[in-house]
Amino acid sequence: MHSGQGRIGERKYIKAADIPLSHAGVRFIKKKMRQAITTARLFGLNEISPEEVLRRLEEPGFRMIDNNSCASFKRHHIPGARHLDPGDYGAGDLGSTKADTIVFYCSDALCGAAPYAAKRAKNMGFEHVYVMTKGISAWLKNGYPIIKSE
């Protein structure tokens, strides 16, 4: 074996500093590194902020789906939100108008229930599906209105 050659299947790694990049390439990488990788992004879903949800809450055709536990939903949920199990619902549970805006949320960015449920909705043909990635935790932290069922 010649020097510089690895064995079959051996992986060789290079340092990022060894890759020539333009200034634009460096800016692009730095921008991407600042963005958090979320389950919603990994699933190719659109995200929406709690501030945007609050602003649009009263719009016709804007629906909220809570994917937290039943106990959490009873404790507090966003006004107008409906509770659905992320893995056990059908298209009929989301409504008949596939052009409505549907926002799924769960506890926070570490919870995967809302992205999972939203991906299912997209696969069912719903067009405007979003995930409020920051979840009910950010909603409560911001002091936005809630409904208490207990």
N, C-alpha and C. Protein backbone atom coordinates (compact mmCIF):
# COMPACT_ATOMS: atom_id res chain seq x y z
N MET A 1 0.84 -1.17 0.00
CA MET A 1 0.00 0.00 0.00
C MET A 1 0.89 1.23 0.00
N HIS A 2 0.55 2.17 -0.86
CA HIS A 2 1.31 3.41 -0.93
C HIS A 2 0.94 4.31 0.23
N SER A 3 1.87 5.16 0.60
CA SER A 3 1.53 6.11 1.66
C SER A 3 0.47 7.06 1.14
N GLY A 4 -0.44 7.44 2.01
CA GLY A 4 -1.54 8.32 1.60
C GLY A 4 -2.77 7.54 1.19
N GLN A 5 -2.64 6.25 0.97
CA GLN A 5 -3.81 5.46 0.63
C GLN A 5 -4.32 4.80 1.89
N GLY A 6 -5.62 4.75 2.02
CA GLY A 6 -6.21 4.08 3.17
C GLY A 6 -6.66 2.69 2.79
N ARG A 7 -6.94 1.92 3.79
CA ARG A 7 -7.49 0.59 3.54
C ARG A 7 -8.90 0.72 3.01
N ILE A 8 -9.39 -0.30 2.36
CA ILE A 8 -10.76 -0.28 1.85
C ILE A 8 -11.71 -0.09 3.02
N GLY A 9 -12.61 0.82 2.87
CA GLY A 9 -13.59 1.11 3.90
C GLY A 9 -13.11 2.08 4.96
N GLU A 10 -11.84 2.46 4.92
CA GLU A 10 -11.31 3.40 5.89
C GLU A 10 -11.80 4.80 5.55
N ARG A 11 -12.24 5.51 6.54
CA ARG A 11 -12.73 6.87 6.31
C ARG A 11 -11.62 7.86 6.57
N LYS A 12 -11.55 8.84 5.71
CA LYS A 12 -10.59 9.92 5.91
C LYS A 12 -11.38 11.20 6.13
N TYR A 13 -10.93 11.97 7.06
CA TYR A 13 -11.61 13.21 7.38
C TYR A 13 -10.69 14.38 7.06
N ILE A 14 -11.34 15.46 6.64
CA ILE A 14 -10.59 16.68 6.41
C ILE A 14 -11.15 17.75 7.33
N LYS A 15 -10.36 18.73 7.62
CA LYS A 15 -10.81 19.84 8.45
C LYS A 15 -11.54 20.85 7.57
N ALA A 16 -12.53 21.50 8.14
CA ALA A 16 -13.27 22.51 7.39
C ALA A 16 -12.33 23.60 6.89
N ALA A 17 -11.28 23.88 7.64
CA ALA A 17 -10.32 24.92 7.25
C ALA A 17 -9.59 24.56 5.96
N ASP A 18 -9.57 23.28 5.60
CA ASP A 18 -8.89 22.83 4.38
C ASP A 18 -9.75 23.01 3.13
N ILE A 19 -11.01 23.39 3.29
CA ILE A 19 -11.91 23.55 2.15
C ILE A 19 -11.94 25.02 1.78
N PRO A 20 -11.54 25.35 0.56
CA PRO A 20 -11.58 26.76 0.16
C PRO A 20 -13.03 27.21 -0.06
N LEU A 21 -13.40 28.31 0.55
CA LEU A 21 -14.75 28.86 0.40
C LEU A 21 -14.67 30.34 0.04
N SER A 22 -15.64 30.77 -0.73
CA SER A 22 -15.74 32.20 -1.01
C SER A 22 -16.30 32.90 0.22
N HIS A 23 -16.26 34.20 0.23
CA HIS A 23 -16.83 34.96 1.35
C HIS A 23 -18.33 34.69 1.46
N ALA A 24 -19.00 34.57 0.32
CA ALA A 24 -20.43 34.27 0.32
C ALA A 24 -20.67 32.89 0.93
N GLY A 25 -19.83 31.93 0.62
CA GLY A 25 -19.97 30.59 1.18
C GLY A 25 -19.80 30.58 2.68
N VAL A 26 -18.86 31.35 3.18
CA VAL A 26 -18.62 31.45 4.62
C VAL A 26 -19.83 32.09 5.29
N ARG A 27 -20.36 33.17 4.71
CA ARG A 27 -21.54 33.83 5.28
C ARG A 27 -22.72 32.87 5.31
N PHE A 28 -22.92 32.09 4.25
CA PHE A 28 -24.02 31.13 4.19
C PHE A 28 -23.89 30.10 5.30
N ILE A 29 -22.71 29.56 5.50
CA ILE A 29 -22.49 28.55 6.53
C ILE A 29 -22.73 29.14 7.92
N LYS A 30 -22.23 30.34 8.16
CA LYS A 30 -22.43 30.97 9.47
C LYS A 30 -23.91 31.22 9.73
N LYS A 31 -24.65 31.63 8.71
CA LYS A 31 -26.09 31.86 8.86
C LYS A 31 -26.79 30.56 9.21
N LYS A 32 -26.46 29.49 8.51
CA LYS A 32 -27.10 28.20 8.75
C LYS A 32 -26.77 27.67 10.14
N MET A 33 -25.56 27.94 10.62
CA MET A 33 -25.17 27.46 11.93
C MET A 33 -25.93 28.18 13.04
N ARG A 34 -26.37 29.41 12.80
CA ARG A 34 -27.14 30.16 13.79
C ARG A 34 -28.57 29.66 13.88
N GLN A 35 -29.08 29.06 12.82
CA GLN A 35 -30.45 28.57 12.83
C GLN A 35 -30.50 27.23 13.56
N ALA A 36 -31.42 27.12 14.47
CA ALA A 36 -31.57 25.86 15.20
C ALA A 36 -32.17 24.81 14.28
N ILE A 37 -31.68 23.61 14.42
CA ILE A 37 -32.25 22.50 13.66
C ILE A 37 -33.40 21.96 14.48
N THR A 38 -34.60 22.03 13.94
CA THR A 38 -35.78 21.54 14.64
C THR A 38 -36.36 20.37 13.88
N THR A 39 -37.18 19.61 14.57
CA THR A 39 -37.85 18.48 13.92
C THR A 39 -38.72 18.97 12.78
N ALA A 40 -39.39 20.10 12.97
CA ALA A 40 -40.23 20.65 11.91
C ALA A 40 -39.42 20.92 10.65
N ARG A 41 -38.25 21.53 10.81
CA ARG A 41 -37.39 21.80 9.65
C ARG A 41 -36.90 20.51 9.01
N LEU A 42 -36.54 19.54 9.84
CA LEU A 42 -36.09 18.26 9.30
C LEU A 42 -37.19 17.58 8.49
N PHE A 43 -38.44 17.78 8.90
CA PHE A 43 -39.59 17.21 8.19
C PHE A 43 -40.01 18.07 6.99
N GLY A 44 -39.35 19.20 6.78
CA GLY A 44 -39.69 20.08 5.67
C GLY A 44 -40.97 20.87 5.90
N LEU A 45 -41.28 21.16 7.16
CA LEU A 45 -42.51 21.87 7.50
C LEU A 45 -42.24 23.35 7.77
N ASN A 46 -43.26 24.16 7.57
CA ASN A 46 -43.16 25.58 7.88
C ASN A 46 -43.35 25.79 9.37
N GLU A 47 -42.62 26.76 9.91
CA GLU A 47 -42.75 27.10 11.32
C GLU A 47 -43.42 28.45 11.45
N ILE A 48 -44.07 28.65 12.58
CA ILE A 48 -44.74 29.92 12.85
C ILE A 48 -44.44 30.29 14.30
N SER A 49 -44.25 31.57 14.55
CA SER A 49 -43.91 32.03 15.89
C SER A 49 -45.18 32.23 16.72
N PRO A 50 -45.05 32.19 18.05
CA PRO A 50 -46.20 32.49 18.90
C PRO A 50 -46.76 33.89 18.64
N GLU A 51 -45.89 34.83 18.32
CA GLU A 51 -46.34 36.20 18.03
C GLU A 51 -47.24 36.23 16.79
N GLU A 52 -46.85 35.50 15.77
CA GLU A 52 -47.65 35.44 14.54
C GLU A 52 -48.98 34.73 14.79
N VAL A 53 -48.94 33.68 15.59
CA VAL A 53 -50.18 32.96 15.93
C VAL A 53 -51.13 33.90 16.66
N LEU A 54 -50.63 34.63 17.66
CA LEU A 54 -51.47 35.57 18.40
C LEU A 54 -52.11 36.59 17.47
N ARG A 55 -51.33 37.08 16.53
CA ARG A 55 -51.83 38.08 15.58
C ARG A 55 -52.93 37.50 14.68
N ARG A 56 -52.81 36.23 14.31
CA ARG A 56 -53.73 35.63 13.34
C ARG A 56 -54.85 34.80 13.97
N LEU A 57 -54.87 34.69 15.27
CA LEU A 57 -55.77 33.79 15.97
C LEU A 57 -57.25 33.96 15.61
N GLU A 58 -57.67 35.17 15.36
CA GLU A 58 -59.08 35.43 15.05
C GLU A 58 -59.42 35.36 13.56
N GLU A 59 -58.43 35.11 12.72
CA GLU A 59 -58.68 35.04 11.27
C GLU A 59 -59.58 33.86 10.92
N PRO A 60 -60.48 34.04 9.97
CA PRO A 60 -61.28 32.90 9.50
C PRO A 60 -60.36 31.86 8.85
N GLY A 61 -60.65 30.60 9.11
CA GLY A 61 -59.87 29.53 8.51
C GLY A 61 -58.52 29.29 9.16
N PHE A 62 -58.28 29.89 10.32
CA PHE A 62 -57.02 29.70 11.05
C PHE A 62 -57.34 28.80 12.24
N ARG A 63 -56.77 27.59 12.23
CA ARG A 63 -57.09 26.61 13.27
C ARG A 63 -55.85 26.15 14.02
N MET A 64 -56.04 25.93 15.31
CA MET A 64 -54.96 25.48 16.19
C MET A 64 -55.24 24.05 16.64
N ILE A 65 -54.20 23.22 16.61
CA ILE A 65 -54.29 21.84 17.07
C ILE A 65 -53.25 21.63 18.16
N ASP A 66 -53.72 21.26 19.35
CA ASP A 66 -52.85 20.99 20.50
C ASP A 66 -52.53 19.50 20.51
N ASN A 67 -51.24 19.17 20.48
CA ASN A 67 -50.81 17.78 20.49
C ASN A 67 -50.15 17.38 21.81
N ASN A 68 -50.40 18.15 22.86
CA ASN A 68 -49.90 17.79 24.18
C ASN A 68 -50.78 16.69 24.77
N SER A 69 -50.44 16.24 25.96
CA SER A 69 -51.27 15.23 26.62
C SER A 69 -52.64 15.82 26.96
N CYS A 70 -53.60 14.95 27.19
CA CYS A 70 -54.95 15.41 27.57
C CYS A 70 -54.89 16.23 28.86
N ALA A 71 -54.07 15.78 29.80
CA ALA A 71 -53.94 16.51 31.07
C ALA A 71 -53.40 17.92 30.85
N SER A 72 -52.40 18.04 29.99
CA SER A 72 -51.83 19.35 29.69
C SER A 72 -52.87 20.23 29.00
N PHE A 73 -53.61 19.67 28.06
CA PHE A 73 -54.64 20.42 27.36
C PHE A 73 -55.69 20.95 28.34
N LYS A 74 -56.09 20.12 29.29
CA LYS A 74 -57.08 20.55 30.29
C LYS A 74 -56.51 21.63 31.20
N ARG A 75 -55.22 21.54 31.49
CA ARG A 75 -54.57 22.52 32.36
C ARG A 75 -54.53 23.90 31.70
N HIS A 76 -54.16 23.93 30.42
CA HIS A 76 -54.11 25.20 29.68
C HIS A 76 -53.88 24.92 28.20
N HIS A 77 -54.59 25.68 27.37
CA HIS A 77 -54.38 25.60 25.93
C HIS A 77 -54.72 26.94 25.28
N ILE A 78 -54.29 27.09 24.05
CA ILE A 78 -54.52 28.33 23.31
C ILE A 78 -56.01 28.45 22.97
N PRO A 79 -56.58 29.64 23.11
CA PRO A 79 -58.00 29.81 22.80
C PRO A 79 -58.33 29.31 21.38
N GLY A 80 -59.38 28.52 21.30
CA GLY A 80 -59.82 27.98 20.01
C GLY A 80 -59.12 26.71 19.60
N ALA A 81 -58.10 26.30 20.36
CA ALA A 81 -57.36 25.09 20.01
C ALA A 81 -58.20 23.85 20.28
N ARG A 82 -57.93 22.85 19.48
CA ARG A 82 -58.59 21.55 19.63
C ARG A 82 -57.51 20.53 19.95
N HIS A 83 -57.81 19.61 20.84
CA HIS A 83 -56.83 18.58 21.18
C HIS A 83 -56.96 17.39 20.24
N LEU A 84 -55.83 16.94 19.70
CA LEU A 84 -55.80 15.73 18.89
C LEU A 84 -54.56 14.92 19.24
N ASP A 85 -54.74 13.61 19.30
CA ASP A 85 -53.60 12.70 19.46
C ASP A 85 -52.81 12.75 18.16
N PRO A 86 -51.51 13.02 18.20
CA PRO A 86 -50.74 13.19 16.96
C PRO A 86 -50.71 11.96 16.05
N GLY A 87 -50.89 10.78 16.61
CA GLY A 87 -50.82 9.58 15.80
C GLY A 87 -52.15 8.92 15.55
N ASP A 88 -53.23 9.52 16.04
CA ASP A 88 -54.53 8.86 15.94
C ASP A 88 -55.62 9.85 15.54
N TYR A 89 -55.50 10.39 14.35
CA TYR A 89 -56.55 11.25 13.82
C TYR A 89 -56.63 11.04 12.32
N GLY A 90 -57.77 11.39 11.76
CA GLY A 90 -57.96 11.29 10.32
C GLY A 90 -58.18 12.66 9.71
N ALA A 91 -58.25 12.71 8.41
CA ALA A 91 -58.44 13.98 7.71
C ALA A 91 -59.73 14.67 8.15
N GLY A 92 -60.75 13.90 8.44
CA GLY A 92 -62.03 14.46 8.88
C GLY A 92 -61.92 15.21 10.20
N ASP A 93 -60.97 14.83 11.04
CA ASP A 93 -60.77 15.51 12.32
C ASP A 93 -60.19 16.91 12.14
N LEU A 94 -59.59 17.17 10.99
CA LEU A 94 -58.97 18.48 10.73
C LEU A 94 -59.90 19.43 10.01
N GLY A 95 -61.02 18.96 9.54
CA GLY A 95 -61.97 19.80 8.83
C GLY A 95 -62.00 19.46 7.36
N SER A 96 -62.98 19.98 6.69
CA SER A 96 -63.18 19.63 5.28
C SER A 96 -62.45 20.54 4.31
N THR A 97 -62.02 21.71 4.78
CA THR A 97 -61.35 22.66 3.90
C THR A 97 -59.84 22.50 3.99
N LYS A 98 -59.27 21.91 2.96
CA LYS A 98 -57.82 21.66 2.97
C LYS A 98 -57.00 22.92 2.71
N ALA A 99 -57.67 24.03 2.38
CA ALA A 99 -56.96 25.29 2.14
C ALA A 99 -56.85 26.14 3.41
N ASP A 100 -57.50 25.72 4.51
CA ASP A 100 -57.38 26.46 5.77
C ASP A 100 -55.96 26.37 6.30
N THR A 101 -55.62 27.29 7.17
CA THR A 101 -54.33 27.27 7.83
C THR A 101 -54.47 26.48 9.13
N ILE A 102 -53.62 25.46 9.28
CA ILE A 102 -53.66 24.62 10.49
C ILE A 102 -52.30 24.71 11.17
N VAL A 103 -52.34 25.08 12.44
CA VAL A 103 -51.12 25.20 13.23
C VAL A 103 -51.13 24.13 14.32
N PHE A 104 -50.09 23.32 14.34
CA PHE A 104 -49.93 22.29 15.35
C PHE A 104 -48.91 22.77 16.38
N TYR A 105 -49.17 22.46 17.64
CA TYR A 105 -48.20 22.79 18.68
C TYR A 105 -48.21 21.73 19.77
N CYS A 106 -47.09 21.63 20.46
CA CYS A 106 -47.00 20.77 21.64
C CYS A 106 -46.28 21.57 22.72
N SER A 107 -45.43 20.94 23.53
CA SER A 107 -44.88 21.67 24.67
C SER A 107 -43.79 22.68 24.31
N ASP A 108 -42.79 22.23 23.51
CA ASP A 108 -41.68 23.13 23.18
C ASP A 108 -40.91 22.55 21.99
N ALA A 109 -39.77 23.14 21.68
CA ALA A 109 -38.99 22.73 20.51
C ALA A 109 -38.43 21.32 20.62
N LEU A 110 -38.34 20.78 21.83
CA LEU A 110 -37.82 19.42 22.00
C LEU A 110 -38.90 18.35 21.84
N CYS A 111 -40.14 18.76 21.82
CA CYS A 111 -41.26 17.82 21.67
C CYS A 111 -41.46 17.52 20.19
N GLY A 112 -41.64 16.28 19.84
CA GLY A 112 -41.81 15.90 18.45
C GLY A 112 -43.25 15.62 18.05
N ALA A 113 -44.20 15.76 18.97
CA ALA A 113 -45.59 15.43 18.69
C ALA A 113 -46.20 16.32 17.60
N ALA A 114 -46.02 17.62 17.72
CA ALA A 114 -46.61 18.54 16.74
C ALA A 114 -46.01 18.38 15.35
N PRO A 115 -44.69 18.28 15.20
CA PRO A 115 -44.15 18.06 13.86
C PRO A 115 -44.64 16.75 13.24
N TYR A 116 -44.74 15.71 14.06
CA TYR A 116 -45.24 14.43 13.56
C TYR A 116 -46.68 14.56 13.06
N ALA A 117 -47.52 15.20 13.87
CA ALA A 117 -48.93 15.39 13.49
C ALA A 117 -49.04 16.28 12.25
N ALA A 118 -48.22 17.33 12.19
CA ALA A 118 -48.25 18.24 11.03
C ALA A 118 -47.82 17.53 9.75
N LYS A 119 -46.82 16.69 9.85
CA LYS A 119 -46.36 15.93 8.68
C LYS A 119 -47.47 15.01 8.19
N ARG A 120 -48.20 14.41 9.10
CA ARG A 120 -49.34 13.57 8.72
C ARG A 120 -50.39 14.39 7.98
N ALA A 121 -50.66 15.60 8.47
CA ALA A 121 -51.65 16.47 7.83
C ALA A 121 -51.21 16.84 6.41
N LYS A 122 -49.93 17.17 6.26
CA LYS A 122 -49.40 17.48 4.91
C LYS A 122 -49.58 16.28 3.99
N ASN A 123 -49.30 15.10 4.50
CA ASN A 123 -49.45 13.89 3.70
C ASN A 123 -50.90 13.60 3.34
N MET A 124 -51.84 14.13 4.12
CA MET A 124 -53.27 13.97 3.84
C MET A 124 -53.76 15.00 2.82
N GLY A 125 -52.89 15.92 2.43
CA GLY A 125 -53.25 16.90 1.41
C GLY A 125 -53.59 18.28 1.90
N PHE A 126 -53.43 18.55 3.19
CA PHE A 126 -53.69 19.89 3.69
C PHE A 126 -52.54 20.80 3.24
N GLU A 127 -52.91 21.97 2.75
CA GLU A 127 -51.96 22.84 2.06
C GLU A 127 -51.16 23.78 2.96
N HIS A 128 -51.81 24.34 3.95
CA HIS A 128 -51.18 25.38 4.78
C HIS A 128 -51.01 24.86 6.21
N VAL A 129 -49.98 24.07 6.38
CA VAL A 129 -49.70 23.43 7.67
C VAL A 129 -48.45 24.06 8.28
N TYR A 130 -48.56 24.41 9.55
CA TYR A 130 -47.46 25.04 10.27
C TYR A 130 -47.24 24.34 11.61
N VAL A 131 -46.06 24.52 12.15
CA VAL A 131 -45.74 24.05 13.50
C VAL A 131 -45.30 25.26 14.30
N MET A 132 -45.95 25.46 15.45
CA MET A 132 -45.49 26.48 16.38
C MET A 132 -44.43 25.79 17.25
N THR A 133 -43.21 25.79 16.76
CA THR A 133 -42.12 25.02 17.33
C THR A 133 -41.86 25.35 18.79
N LYS A 134 -41.97 26.60 19.17
CA LYS A 134 -41.68 26.99 20.56
C LYS A 134 -42.75 26.49 21.53
N GLY A 135 -43.90 26.10 21.00
CA GLY A 135 -44.94 25.44 21.79
C GLY A 135 -45.63 26.29 22.83
N ILE A 136 -46.42 25.57 23.64
CA ILE A 136 -47.21 26.23 24.68
C ILE A 136 -46.30 26.86 25.73
N SER A 137 -45.09 26.35 25.89
CA SER A 137 -44.15 26.92 26.87
C SER A 137 -43.85 28.38 26.56
N ALA A 138 -43.56 28.68 25.29
CA ALA A 138 -43.27 30.06 24.90
C ALA A 138 -44.54 30.91 24.99
N TRP A 139 -45.67 30.32 24.65
CA TRP A 139 -46.95 31.02 24.72
C TRP A 139 -47.20 31.49 26.16
N LEU A 140 -47.01 30.58 27.11
CA LEU A 140 -47.21 30.91 28.52
C LEU A 140 -46.17 31.92 29.00
N LYS A 141 -44.93 31.74 28.59
CA LYS A 141 -43.85 32.65 29.00
C LYS A 141 -44.14 34.08 28.54
N ASN A 142 -44.75 34.21 27.36
CA ASN A 142 -45.07 35.53 26.82
C ASN A 142 -46.32 36.13 27.45
N GLY A 143 -47.02 35.34 28.25
CA GLY A 143 -48.24 35.85 28.92
C GLY A 143 -49.43 35.97 28.01
N TYR A 144 -49.45 35.23 26.92
CA TYR A 144 -50.57 35.27 25.98
C TYR A 144 -51.78 34.57 26.58
N PRO A 145 -52.98 34.85 26.06
CA PRO A 145 -54.20 34.29 26.65
C PRO A 145 -54.26 32.76 26.52
N ILE A 146 -54.83 32.16 27.57
CA ILE A 146 -55.01 30.71 27.57
C ILE A 146 -56.42 30.37 28.06
N ILE A 147 -56.81 29.16 27.81
CA ILE A 147 -58.06 28.62 28.32
C ILE A 147 -57.69 27.53 29.33
N LYS A 148 -58.33 27.58 30.47
CA LYS A 148 -58.11 26.55 31.49
C LYS A 148 -59.40 25.73 31.59
N SER A 149 -59.27 24.43 31.45
CA SER A 149 -60.45 23.55 31.51
C SER A 149 -60.65 22.94 32.88
N GLU A 150 -59.65 22.97 33.73
CA GLU A 150 -59.77 22.36 35.06
C GLU A 150 -60.23 23.36 36.08
